[in-house]
Amino acid sequence: VLAVQVRRFELVNWVPEKLDISVQVPLGEVSLEAYRGQGIQPGEEPLPESDDISAAPAVTSQQQPIVDEEVVGQLEAMGFPRVRCVKAVSKTGNCGAEAAMTWIFEHMDDADIDVPEAVAQTESSLAAVNPAAVEQLAAMGFARDRVERELRNAGGDAERALDRLLSIPDDEADVTMESAVEPAADDSQSRNSAFELTGFVSHKGSSVHCGHYIASVRHGSGTDSKWFMFNDSKVVAQEEPQPEQAYVYFFTRLD
């Protein structure tokens, strides 16, 4: 299943506004063959697995600014990348979210805006985490080392740590060729590249601050399929689905 989210809002004078733009999405078969990876081609070189930071100069504690993690969290909640948020808070001297946001918009076109800076952790993030909070979050199925890291990033706030654990994908496990008994067969070239729209979510309303979400779902496949609209507890047949104004699309790979 391929999930596609479209941008339906933009900030205008600091106020988020909904974008009323029609997106032409076919209801039938969609081929993604043109976007299939073909592996390393002649003359190409693979990128390194990780950046070599061993040669990076050491940064002293005097060079490391202290950032307010609460302000960083507020900016992240607005959709800005963490590196950009940390840099904005550092550059504005921890003067609050408004000053940091102003800095972000003023430097949006800077080439190095997303280049991370060495930032010291706050005293709260360096402190030992609450064992009870670790046990509580680990019991939900999260890895213990990841729980401890997010608790430190959140200054010990279990609620904020849980929000980050749910919103950030699990870290990919480091698997080496030596540890792998037998590499899995790569069937990416033989799999079908044809997809079909099987559902979409739409927002009804002129503002991002109010309105209502409905879902349209395809039952079956091809010409024999039928569409249904889900509106809270009400489900009705949808003779003419209208995906042009949808917010999230779901495409399913055809057999």
C-alpha atoms as a PDB file:
ATOM      1  CA  VAL A   1       0.000   0.000   0.000  1.00  0.00           C
ATOM      2  CA  LEU A   2       1.353   3.393  -1.010  1.00  0.00           C
ATOM      3  CA  ALA A   3       0.119   6.314   1.132  1.00  0.00           C
ATOM      4  CA  VAL A   4       0.445   9.812  -0.333  1.00  0.00           C
ATOM      5  CA  GLN A   5      -0.248  12.964   1.677  1.00  0.00           C
ATOM      6  CA  VAL A   6      -0.670  16.214  -0.208  1.00  0.00           C
ATOM      7  CA  ARG A   7       0.002  19.658   1.182  1.00  0.00           C
ATOM      8  CA  ARG A   8      -3.335  21.273   1.914  1.00  0.00           C
ATOM      9  CA  PHE A   9      -2.253  24.300   3.939  1.00  0.00           C
ATOM     10  CA  GLU A  10       0.266  27.132   3.916  1.00  0.00           C
ATOM     11  CA  LEU A  11       1.202  29.919   6.313  1.00  0.00           C
ATOM     12  CA  VAL A  12      -0.027  33.367   5.252  1.00  0.00           C
ATOM     13  CA  ASN A  13       1.004  36.154   7.648  1.00  0.00           C
ATOM     14  CA  TRP A  14       1.604  33.536  10.352  1.00  0.00           C
ATOM     15  CA  VAL A  15      -1.897  32.119   9.865  1.00  0.00           C
ATOM     16  CA  PRO A  16      -2.386  28.632   8.358  1.00  0.00           C
ATOM     17  CA  GLU A  17      -4.800  28.680   5.439  1.00  0.00           C
ATOM     18  CA  LYS A  18      -6.315  25.780   3.539  1.00  0.00           C
ATOM     19  CA  LEU A  19      -5.315  25.330  -0.102  1.00  0.00           C
ATOM     20  CA  ASP A  20      -8.352  24.727  -2.296  1.00  0.00           C
ATOM     21  CA  ILE A  21      -6.517  23.134  -5.232  1.00  0.00           C
ATOM     22  CA  SER A  22      -7.829  20.228  -7.282  1.00  0.00           C
ATOM     23  CA  VAL A  23      -5.427  17.291  -7.760  1.00  0.00           C
ATOM     24  CA  GLN A  24      -6.212  15.077 -10.727  1.00  0.00           C
ATOM     25  CA  VAL A  25      -5.980  11.506  -9.435  1.00  0.00           C
ATOM     26  CA  PRO A  26      -7.055   8.620 -11.711  1.00  0.00           C
ATOM     27  CA  LEU A  27      -9.448   6.061 -10.272  1.00  0.00           C
ATOM     28  CA  GLY A  28      -8.094   3.319 -12.520  1.00  0.00           C
ATOM     29  CA  GLU A  29      -4.695   1.693 -12.834  1.00  0.00           C
ATOM     30  CA  VAL A  30      -1.615   3.821 -12.193  1.00  0.00           C
ATOM     31  CA  SER A  31       1.798   2.607 -13.372  1.00  0.00           C
ATOM     32  CA  LEU A  32       4.865   3.560 -11.335  1.00  0.00           C
ATOM     33  CA  GLU A  33       7.290   1.675 -13.570  1.00  0.00           C
ATOM     34  CA  ALA A  34       9.065   4.912 -14.532  1.00  0.00           C
ATOM     35  CA  TYR A  35      10.045   5.385 -10.870  1.00  0.00           C
ATOM     36  CA  ARG A  36      11.361   1.856 -10.257  1.00  0.00           C
ATOM     37  CA  GLY A  37      14.979   1.732  -9.136  1.00  0.00           C
ATOM     38  CA  GLN A  38      17.291  -0.131 -11.504  1.00  0.00           C
ATOM     39  CA  GLY A  39      20.216  -0.565  -9.125  1.00  0.00           C
ATOM     40  CA  ILE A  40      23.705   0.800  -9.643  1.00  0.00           C
ATOM     41  CA  GLN A  41      24.282   1.747 -13.258  1.00  0.00           C
ATOM     42  CA  PRO A  42      27.605   1.874 -15.160  1.00  0.00           C
ATOM     43  CA  GLY A  43      29.670   4.850 -14.007  1.00  0.00           C
ATOM     44  CA  GLU A  44      27.759   5.235 -10.732  1.00  0.00           C
ATOM     45  CA  GLU A  45      29.179   4.759  -7.242  1.00  0.00           C
ATOM     46  CA  PRO A  46      27.179   3.793  -4.146  1.00  0.00           C
ATOM     47  CA  LEU A  47      26.877   6.375  -1.384  1.00  0.00           C
ATOM     48  CA  PRO A  48      28.671   5.553   1.884  1.00  0.00           C
ATOM     49  CA  GLU A  49      26.588   3.797   4.513  1.00  0.00           C
ATOM     50  CA  SER A  50      27.269   6.576   7.038  1.00  0.00           C
ATOM     51  CA  ASP A  51      29.110   9.863   7.219  1.00  0.00           C
ATOM     52  CA  ASP A  52      32.650   9.682   8.554  1.00  0.00           C
ATOM     53  CA  ILE A  53      32.673  12.069  11.491  1.00  0.00           C
ATOM     54  CA  SER A  54      35.870  10.746  13.065  1.00  0.00           C
ATOM     55  CA  ALA A  55      37.862  13.588  11.521  1.00  0.00           C
ATOM     56  CA  ALA A  56      35.472  16.275  12.747  1.00  0.00           C
ATOM     57  CA  PRO A  57      37.107  18.780  15.131  1.00  0.00           C
ATOM     58  CA  ALA A  58      36.175  18.495  18.770  1.00  0.00           C
ATOM     59  CA  VAL A  59      33.763  21.073  20.126  1.00  0.00           C
ATOM     60  CA  THR A  60      34.340  22.399  23.614  1.00  0.00           C
ATOM     61  CA  SER A  61      31.559  23.040  26.083  1.00  0.00           C
ATOM     62  CA  GLN A  62      32.204  26.771  25.753  1.00  0.00           C
ATOM     63  CA  GLN A  63      31.340  26.545  22.055  1.00  0.00           C
ATOM     64  CA  GLN A  64      28.134  24.614  22.631  1.00  0.00           C
ATOM     65  CA  PRO A  65      25.009  26.742  23.097  1.00  0.00           C
ATOM     66  CA  ILE A  66      22.198  25.597  25.374  1.00  0.00           C
ATOM     67  CA  VAL A  67      18.771  25.333  23.744  1.00  0.00           C
ATOM     68  CA  ASP A  68      15.316  25.287  25.325  1.00  0.00           C
ATOM     69  CA  GLU A  69      13.901  21.856  24.431  1.00  0.00           C
ATOM     70  CA  GLU A  70      10.363  23.044  25.123  1.00  0.00           C
ATOM     71  CA  VAL A  71      10.630  25.743  22.432  1.00  0.00           C
ATOM     72  CA  VAL A  72      12.278  23.247  20.073  1.00  0.00           C
ATOM     73  CA  GLY A  73       9.332  20.900  20.652  1.00  0.00           C
ATOM     74  CA  GLN A  74       6.834  23.677  19.870  1.00  0.00           C
ATOM     75  CA  LEU A  75       8.543  24.385  16.555  1.00  0.00           C
ATOM     76  CA  GLU A  76       8.730  20.678  15.696  1.00  0.00           C
ATOM     77  CA  ALA A  77       4.992  20.429  16.319  1.00  0.00           C
ATOM     78  CA  MET A  78       4.514  23.095  13.622  1.00  0.00           C
ATOM     79  CA  GLY A  79       6.212  20.812  11.106  1.00  0.00           C
ATOM     80  CA  PHE A  80       9.747  22.228  11.002  1.00  0.00           C
ATOM     81  CA  PRO A  81      12.734  19.807  10.945  1.00  0.00           C
ATOM     82  CA  ARG A  82      14.475  19.381  14.300  1.00  0.00           C
ATOM     83  CA  VAL A  83      17.860  20.579  13.013  1.00  0.00           C
ATOM     84  CA  ARG A  84      16.252  23.801  11.809  1.00  0.00           C
ATOM     85  CA  CYS A  85      14.392  24.250  15.097  1.00  0.00           C
ATOM     86  CA  VAL A  86      17.505  23.763  17.216  1.00  0.00           C
ATOM     87  CA  LYS A  87      19.487  26.202  15.094  1.00  0.00           C
ATOM     88  CA  ALA A  88      16.713  28.835  15.263  1.00  0.00           C
ATOM     89  CA  VAL A  89      16.420  28.600  19.039  1.00  0.00           C
ATOM     90  CA  SER A  90      20.207  28.787  19.381  1.00  0.00           C
ATOM     91  CA  LYS A  91      20.569  31.752  17.001  1.00  0.00           C
ATOM     92  CA  THR A  92      17.848  33.750  18.804  1.00  0.00           C
ATOM     93  CA  GLY A  93      19.316  33.125  22.238  1.00  0.00           C
ATOM     94  CA  ASN A  94      16.367  31.140  23.637  1.00  0.00           C
ATOM     95  CA  CYS A  95      14.043  34.132  23.305  1.00  0.00           C
ATOM     96  CA  GLY A  96      10.956  32.015  22.647  1.00  0.00           C
ATOM     97  CA  ALA A  97       9.087  30.293  19.836  1.00  0.00           C
ATOM     98  CA  GLU A  98       7.998  33.511  18.093  1.00  0.00           C
ATOM     99  CA  ALA A  99      11.549  34.836  17.726  1.00  0.00           C
ATOM    100  CA  ALA A 100      12.788  31.426  16.573  1.00  0.00           C
ATOM    101  CA  MET A 101       9.995  31.132  14.009  1.00  0.00           C
ATOM    102  CA  THR A 102      10.821  34.594  12.671  1.00  0.00           C
ATOM    103  CA  TRP A 103      14.447  33.514  12.271  1.00  0.00           C
ATOM    104  CA  ILE A 104      13.377  30.363  10.391  1.00  0.00           C
ATOM    105  CA  PHE A 105      11.310  32.327   7.866  1.00  0.00           C
ATOM    106  CA  GLU A 106      14.023  34.952   7.409  1.00  0.00           C
ATOM    107  CA  HIS A 107      16.653  32.262   6.705  1.00  0.00           C
ATOM    108  CA  MET A 108      14.452  29.818   4.800  1.00  0.00           C
ATOM    109  CA  ASP A 109      16.600  30.171   1.669  1.00  0.00           C
ATOM    110  CA  ASP A 110      19.952  29.786   3.423  1.00  0.00           C
ATOM    111  CA  ALA A 111      21.955  26.952   1.907  1.00  0.00           C
ATOM    112  CA  ASP A 112      23.101  25.750   5.327  1.00  0.00           C
ATOM    113  CA  ILE A 113      19.820  26.119   7.201  1.00  0.00           C
ATOM    114  CA  ASP A 114      19.579  22.356   7.694  1.00  0.00           C
ATOM    115  CA  VAL A 115      23.256  21.820   8.473  1.00  0.00           C
ATOM    116  CA  PRO A 116      23.360  20.774  12.126  1.00  0.00           C
ATOM    117  CA  GLU A 117      25.344  22.700  14.690  1.00  0.00           C
ATOM    118  CA  ALA A 118      26.939  21.252  17.798  1.00  0.00           C
ATOM    119  CA  VAL A 119      24.399  21.917  20.517  1.00  0.00           C
ATOM    120  CA  ALA A 120      24.857  20.977  24.128  1.00  0.00           C
ATOM    121  CA  GLN A 121      22.155  19.105  25.920  1.00  0.00           C
ATOM    122  CA  THR A 122      20.302  20.888  28.673  1.00  0.00           C
ATOM    123  CA  GLU A 123      20.972  19.945  32.274  1.00  0.00           C
ATOM    124  CA  SER A 124      17.608  18.203  32.420  1.00  0.00           C
ATOM    125  CA  SER A 125      18.430  16.073  29.389  1.00  0.00           C
ATOM    126  CA  LEU A 126      21.770  15.083  30.897  1.00  0.00           C
ATOM    127  CA  ALA A 127      20.181  14.026  34.156  1.00  0.00           C
ATOM    128  CA  ALA A 128      19.331  10.419  34.866  1.00  0.00           C
ATOM    129  CA  VAL A 129      15.910   9.423  33.563  1.00  0.00           C
ATOM    130  CA  ASN A 130      13.125   8.245  35.841  1.00  0.00           C
ATOM    131  CA  PRO A 131      13.244   4.420  35.985  1.00  0.00           C
ATOM    132  CA  ALA A 132       9.474   4.273  36.453  1.00  0.00           C
ATOM    133  CA  ALA A 133       8.943   6.266  33.243  1.00  0.00           C
ATOM    134  CA  VAL A 134      11.369   3.973  31.423  1.00  0.00           C
ATOM    135  CA  GLU A 135       9.495   0.876  32.579  1.00  0.00           C
ATOM    136  CA  GLN A 136       6.129   2.397  31.653  1.00  0.00           C
ATOM    137  CA  LEU A 137       7.169   3.279  28.085  1.00  0.00           C
ATOM    138  CA  ALA A 138       9.188   0.101  27.558  1.00  0.00           C
ATOM    139  CA  ALA A 139       6.094  -1.906  28.522  1.00  0.00           C
ATOM    140  CA  MET A 140       4.388  -0.425  25.444  1.00  0.00           C
ATOM    141  CA  GLY A 141       6.847  -2.268  23.207  1.00  0.00           C
ATOM    142  CA  PHE A 142       9.522   0.392  22.636  1.00  0.00           C
ATOM    143  CA  ALA A 143      13.208  -0.488  22.912  1.00  0.00           C
ATOM    144  CA  ARG A 144      14.632   0.490  26.299  1.00  0.00           C
ATOM    145  CA  ASP A 145      17.634   2.404  24.914  1.00  0.00           C
ATOM    146  CA  ARG A 146      15.337   4.388  22.620  1.00  0.00           C
ATOM    147  CA  VAL A 147      12.979   5.154  25.512  1.00  0.00           C
ATOM    148  CA  GLU A 148      15.855   6.467  27.618  1.00  0.00           C
ATOM    149  CA  ARG A 149      17.123   8.618  24.746  1.00  0.00           C
ATOM    150  CA  GLU A 150      13.717  10.191  24.067  1.00  0.00           C
ATOM    151  CA  LEU A 151      13.166  10.809  27.784  1.00  0.00           C
ATOM    152  CA  ARG A 152      16.457  12.694  27.912  1.00  0.00           C
ATOM    153  CA  ASN A 153      15.516  14.672  24.791  1.00  0.00           C
ATOM    154  CA  ALA A 154      12.200  15.541  26.432  1.00  0.00           C
ATOM    155  CA  GLY A 155      13.817  16.591  29.686  1.00  0.00           C
ATOM    156  CA  GLY A 156      12.235  13.689  31.558  1.00  0.00           C
ATOM    157  CA  ASP A 157       8.693  14.467  30.394  1.00  0.00           C
ATOM    158  CA  ALA A 158       7.133  11.052  29.714  1.00  0.00           C
ATOM    159  CA  GLU A 159       4.238  12.512  27.706  1.00  0.00           C
ATOM    160  CA  ARG A 160       6.528  14.369  25.312  1.00  0.00           C
ATOM    161  CA  ALA A 161       8.789  11.333  25.042  1.00  0.00           C
ATOM    162  CA  LEU A 162       5.813   9.140  24.129  1.00  0.00           C
ATOM    163  CA  ASP A 163       4.737  11.622  21.475  1.00  0.00           C
ATOM    164  CA  ARG A 164       8.184  11.434  19.868  1.00  0.00           C
ATOM    165  CA  LEU A 165       8.256   7.639  20.132  1.00  0.00           C
ATOM    166  CA  LEU A 166       4.952   7.425  18.281  1.00  0.00           C
ATOM    167  CA  SER A 167       5.786  10.028  15.630  1.00  0.00           C
ATOM    168  CA  ILE A 168       9.355   8.965  14.779  1.00  0.00           C
ATOM    169  CA  PRO A 169       9.915   5.553  13.124  1.00  0.00           C
ATOM    170  CA  ASP A 170      11.940   2.926  14.942  1.00  0.00           C
ATOM    171  CA  ASP A 171      15.667   3.083  14.383  1.00  0.00           C
ATOM    172  CA  GLU A 172      16.803   0.684  11.698  1.00  0.00           C
ATOM    173  CA  ALA A 173      18.747  -2.253  13.097  1.00  0.00           C
ATOM    174  CA  ASP A 174      22.400  -2.470  12.123  1.00  0.00           C
ATOM    175  CA  VAL A 175      22.661  -5.659  10.116  1.00  0.00           C
ATOM    176  CA  THR A 176      26.034  -6.665   8.675  1.00  0.00           C
ATOM    177  CA  MET A 177      26.755  -9.201   6.008  1.00  0.00           C
ATOM    178  CA  GLU A 178      28.631 -11.275   8.597  1.00  0.00           C
ATOM    179  CA  SER A 179      25.604 -11.524  10.861  1.00  0.00           C
ATOM    180  CA  ALA A 180      23.186 -12.374   8.071  1.00  0.00           C
ATOM    181  CA  VAL A 181      22.864 -16.124   7.584  1.00  0.00           C
ATOM    182  CA  GLU A 182      21.563 -15.738   4.065  1.00  0.00           C
ATOM    183  CA  PRO A 183      20.660 -12.479   2.309  1.00  0.00           C
ATOM    184  CA  ALA A 184      17.024 -12.164   1.324  1.00  0.00           C
ATOM    185  CA  ALA A 185      16.278 -12.432  -2.362  1.00  0.00           C
ATOM    186  CA  ASP A 186      15.629  -9.102  -4.074  1.00  0.00           C
ATOM    187  CA  ASP A 187      12.301  -9.411  -5.883  1.00  0.00           C
ATOM    188  CA  SER A 188      11.826  -5.674  -6.425  1.00  0.00           C
ATOM    189  CA  GLN A 189      12.366  -6.004 -10.190  1.00  0.00           C
ATOM    190  CA  SER A 190       9.779  -8.759 -10.604  1.00  0.00           C
ATOM    191  CA  ARG A 191       6.978  -7.193  -8.586  1.00  0.00           C
ATOM    192  CA  ASN A 192       4.124  -5.437 -10.330  1.00  0.00           C
ATOM    193  CA  SER A 193       4.506  -1.675 -10.631  1.00  0.00           C
ATOM    194  CA  ALA A 194       0.785  -1.076 -11.254  1.00  0.00           C
ATOM    195  CA  PHE A 195      -1.255   0.427  -8.429  1.00  0.00           C
ATOM    196  CA  GLU A 196      -4.911   1.309  -7.982  1.00  0.00           C
ATOM    197  CA  LEU A 197      -6.509   3.995  -5.837  1.00  0.00           C
ATOM    198  CA  THR A 198      -8.330   2.138  -3.060  1.00  0.00           C
ATOM    199  CA  GLY A 199      -9.139   4.921  -0.625  1.00  0.00           C
ATOM    200  CA  PHE A 200      -8.753   8.570   0.260  1.00  0.00           C
ATOM    201  CA  VAL A 201      -9.508  10.942   3.136  1.00  0.00           C
ATOM    202  CA  SER A 202     -11.048  14.350   2.505  1.00  0.00           C
ATOM    203  CA  HIS A 203     -11.474  17.425   4.702  1.00  0.00           C
ATOM    204  CA  LYS A 204     -14.770  19.262   4.413  1.00  0.00           C
ATOM    205  CA  GLY A 205     -14.544  22.892   5.442  1.00  0.00           C
ATOM    206  CA  SER A 206     -12.915  26.154   4.395  1.00  0.00           C
ATOM    207  CA  SER A 207     -10.553  26.465   7.384  1.00  0.00           C
ATOM    208  CA  VAL A 208      -7.846  24.319   8.965  1.00  0.00           C
ATOM    209  CA  HIS A 209      -9.314  25.217  12.364  1.00  0.00           C
ATOM    210  CA  CYS A 210     -12.677  23.560  11.789  1.00  0.00           C
ATOM    211  CA  GLY A 211     -14.456  21.181   9.461  1.00  0.00           C
ATOM    212  CA  HIS A 212     -14.972  17.452   9.148  1.00  0.00           C
ATOM    213  CA  TYR A 213     -13.068  14.461   7.753  1.00  0.00           C
ATOM    214  CA  ILE A 214     -14.694  11.754   5.628  1.00  0.00           C
ATOM    215  CA  ALA A 215     -13.204   8.643   4.021  1.00  0.00           C
ATOM    216  CA  SER A 216     -13.925   7.038   0.665  1.00  0.00           C
ATOM    217  CA  VAL A 217     -13.017   3.358   0.228  1.00  0.00           C
ATOM    218  CA  ARG A 218     -13.090   1.071  -2.799  1.00  0.00           C
ATOM    219  CA  HIS A 219     -14.593  -2.402  -2.309  1.00  0.00           C
ATOM    220  CA  GLY A 220     -13.238  -4.852  -4.842  1.00  0.00           C
ATOM    221  CA  SER A 221     -10.959  -4.084  -7.763  1.00  0.00           C
ATOM    222  CA  GLY A 222     -11.198  -3.030 -11.385  1.00  0.00           C
ATOM    223  CA  THR A 223     -14.467  -2.322 -13.182  1.00  0.00           C
ATOM    224  CA  ASP A 224     -16.472  -4.501 -10.787  1.00  0.00           C
ATOM    225  CA  SER A 225     -15.462  -2.487  -7.732  1.00  0.00           C
ATOM    226  CA  LYS A 226     -17.749  -0.155  -5.781  1.00  0.00           C
ATOM    227  CA  TRP A 227     -16.980   2.953  -3.758  1.00  0.00           C
ATOM    228  CA  PHE A 228     -18.379   3.732  -0.320  1.00  0.00           C
ATOM    229  CA  MET A 229     -18.205   6.911   1.735  1.00  0.00           C
ATOM    230  CA  PHE A 230     -17.650   6.689   5.503  1.00  0.00           C
ATOM    231  CA  ASN A 231     -18.990   9.677   7.441  1.00  0.00           C
ATOM    232  CA  ASP A 232     -18.668   8.895  11.161  1.00  0.00           C
ATOM    233  CA  SER A 233     -21.118   6.016  11.709  1.00  0.00           C
ATOM    234  CA  LYS A 234     -22.883   6.571   8.369  1.00  0.00           C
ATOM    235  CA  VAL A 235     -21.812   4.511   5.344  1.00  0.00           C
ATOM    236  CA  VAL A 236     -23.348   5.108   1.907  1.00  0.00           C
ATOM    237  CA  ALA A 237     -22.588   3.989  -1.639  1.00  0.00           C
ATOM    238  CA  GLN A 238     -20.612   6.568  -3.611  1.00  0.00           C
ATOM    239  CA  GLU A 239     -21.447   6.434  -7.301  1.00  0.00           C
ATOM    240  CA  GLU A 240     -19.005   9.173  -8.290  1.00  0.00           C
ATOM    241  CA  PRO A 241     -16.035   9.410  -5.895  1.00  0.00           C
ATOM    242  CA  GLN A 242     -14.292  12.785  -5.962  1.00  0.00           C
ATOM    243  CA  PRO A 243     -10.617  12.433  -4.991  1.00  0.00           C
ATOM    244  CA  GLU A 244      -9.619  15.849  -6.380  1.00  0.00           C
ATOM    245  CA  GLN A 245      -9.817  17.578  -2.985  1.00  0.00           C
ATOM    246  CA  ALA A 246      -8.530  14.705  -0.836  1.00  0.00           C
ATOM    247  CA  TYR A 247      -5.868  15.108   1.846  1.00  0.00           C
ATOM    248  CA  VAL A 248      -4.436  11.556   1.951  1.00  0.00           C
ATOM    249  CA  TYR A 249      -4.518   8.935  -0.837  1.00  0.00           C
ATOM    250  CA  PHE A 250      -4.026   5.158  -0.530  1.00  0.00           C
ATOM    251  CA  PHE A 251      -2.882   3.140  -3.557  1.00  0.00           C
ATOM    252  CA  THR A 252      -2.741  -0.677  -3.473  1.00  0.00           C
ATOM    253  CA  ARG A 253      -0.382  -2.716  -5.632  1.00  0.00           C
ATOM    254  CA  LEU A 254      -2.247  -4.875  -8.163  1.00  0.00           C
ATOM    255  CA  ASP A 255      -1.522  -8.613  -8.341  1.00  0.00           C
END
